[in-house]
Protein backbone atom coordinates (compact mmCIF):
# COMPACT_ATOMS: atom_id res chain seq x y z
CA MET A 1 133.16 104.16 59.26
CA ALA A 2 135.89 102.28 61.14
CA ASN A 3 138.17 105.32 61.11
CA ARG A 4 135.45 107.49 62.57
CA GLN A 5 134.78 104.97 65.31
CA THR A 6 138.51 104.72 66.07
CA ARG A 7 138.76 108.51 66.38
CA LEU A 8 135.78 108.53 68.71
CA ILE A 9 137.38 105.88 70.91
CA PHE A 10 140.65 107.82 70.90
CA PHE A 11 139.06 111.14 71.88
CA LYS A 12 137.04 109.50 74.66
CA ALA A 13 140.23 107.90 76.02
CA LEU A 14 142.11 111.21 75.66
CA TYR A 15 139.37 113.03 77.56
CA GLN A 16 139.49 110.45 80.34
CA GLN A 17 143.28 110.73 80.61
CA VAL A 18 143.18 114.52 80.69
CA LEU A 19 140.64 114.36 83.52
CA VAL A 20 143.06 112.17 85.49
CA VAL A 21 146.07 114.47 85.15
CA TRP A 22 144.17 117.78 85.03
CA PRO A 23 145.09 118.83 88.60
CA ILE A 24 148.77 118.33 87.77
CA LEU A 25 148.53 120.04 84.38
CA SER A 26 146.68 123.04 85.77
CA GLY A 27 149.13 123.31 88.68
CA ILE A 28 152.11 123.33 86.33
CA ILE A 29 150.50 125.93 84.09
CA MET A 30 149.73 128.11 87.12
CA VAL A 31 153.36 127.87 88.31
CA MET A 32 154.57 128.78 84.83
CA VAL A 33 152.27 131.80 84.57
CA ALA A 34 153.11 132.97 88.10
CA CYS A 35 156.85 132.74 87.42
CA GLY A 36 156.32 134.46 84.09
CA LEU A 37 154.43 137.32 85.69
CA LEU A 38 157.23 137.71 88.21
CA VAL A 39 159.78 137.83 85.39
CA GLY A 40 157.68 140.41 83.56
CA TRP A 41 157.31 142.52 86.70
CA ILE A 42 161.06 142.39 87.44
CA GLU A 43 161.98 143.19 83.84
CA GLY A 44 159.25 145.82 83.34
CA TRP A 45 157.56 144.04 80.42
CA ARG A 46 153.94 144.34 79.35
CA VAL A 47 151.62 141.48 80.33
CA THR A 48 151.28 140.30 76.72
CA ASP A 49 155.06 140.15 76.32
CA THR A 50 155.31 138.37 79.65
CA LEU A 51 152.82 135.66 78.69
CA TYR A 52 154.48 135.30 75.29
CA PHE A 53 157.87 134.87 76.99
CA THR A 54 156.42 132.37 79.46
CA PHE A 55 155.00 130.01 76.88
CA VAL A 56 157.85 130.35 74.40
CA THR A 57 160.26 129.52 77.21
CA GLY A 58 158.02 126.83 78.66
CA LEU A 59 157.67 125.08 75.33
CA THR A 60 161.49 125.25 75.08
CA ILE A 61 161.31 127.18 71.82
CA GLY A 62 163.25 130.19 73.08
CA TYR A 63 163.31 132.66 70.20
CA GLY A 64 165.53 135.03 72.14
CA ASP A 65 163.62 138.20 71.32
CA LEU A 66 162.81 138.67 75.02
CA THR A 67 165.56 137.77 77.45
CA PRO A 68 165.69 138.39 81.18
CA LYS A 69 168.53 140.64 82.32
CA HIS A 70 168.28 140.31 86.10
CA PHE A 71 169.62 137.30 87.97
CA SER A 72 166.36 136.62 89.81
CA SER A 73 164.29 136.69 86.63
CA ARG A 74 166.75 134.27 85.01
CA ILE A 75 166.17 131.85 87.88
CA PHE A 76 162.42 132.12 87.31
CA ALA A 77 163.01 131.52 83.60
CA ILE A 78 164.83 128.28 84.47
CA VAL A 79 161.84 127.23 86.59
CA ILE A 80 159.54 128.01 83.65
CA GLY A 81 161.73 125.87 81.39
CA PHE A 82 161.67 122.89 83.76
CA CYS A 83 157.90 123.21 84.17
CA GLY A 84 157.57 123.29 80.39
CA ILE A 85 159.56 120.08 80.05
CA ILE A 86 157.33 118.38 82.62
CA LEU A 87 154.22 119.73 80.89
CA THR A 88 155.38 118.45 77.51
CA GLY A 89 156.13 115.04 79.00
CA LEU A 90 152.69 114.84 80.60
CA VAL A 91 150.94 115.77 77.36
CA ALA A 92 152.96 113.14 75.50
CA ALA A 93 152.21 110.51 78.17
CA VAL A 94 148.49 111.28 78.09
CA SER A 95 148.45 111.01 74.28
CA VAL A 96 150.33 107.72 74.28
CA GLU A 97 148.04 106.27 76.95
CA ALA A 98 144.99 107.32 74.92
CA LEU A 99 146.46 105.65 71.83
CA ARG A 100 147.20 102.50 73.84
CA SER A 101 143.64 102.44 75.15
CA THR A 102 142.33 102.90 71.62
CA VAL A 103 144.33 99.94 70.32
CA ILE A 104 143.18 97.74 73.21
CA ASP A 105 139.53 98.75 72.69
CA ARG A 106 139.74 98.10 68.95
CA LYS A 107 141.16 94.60 69.52
CA SER A 108 138.39 93.61 71.91
């Protein structure tokens, strides 16, 4: 029962933290997708390949199966990568803050 209550506290805290940073998260995701669509348009890729490239690059996985050839699309790919690093950091920060709130709530 205690584990279930702890999970409930954690998910409530996580939801609250996501609501706080949602404008930033959604803005970063929109910048990533916009840059990705520009890369796909410049390179002549399909939309599905473009979105795949955007999130693989943004999550800094970088399989290398799709690579931009033009200089301008490479610049956009760098922007996608930086946005992905910021996005990953925000998600980690939100998770850590939710865990911290859970520990504080459990102690009180």
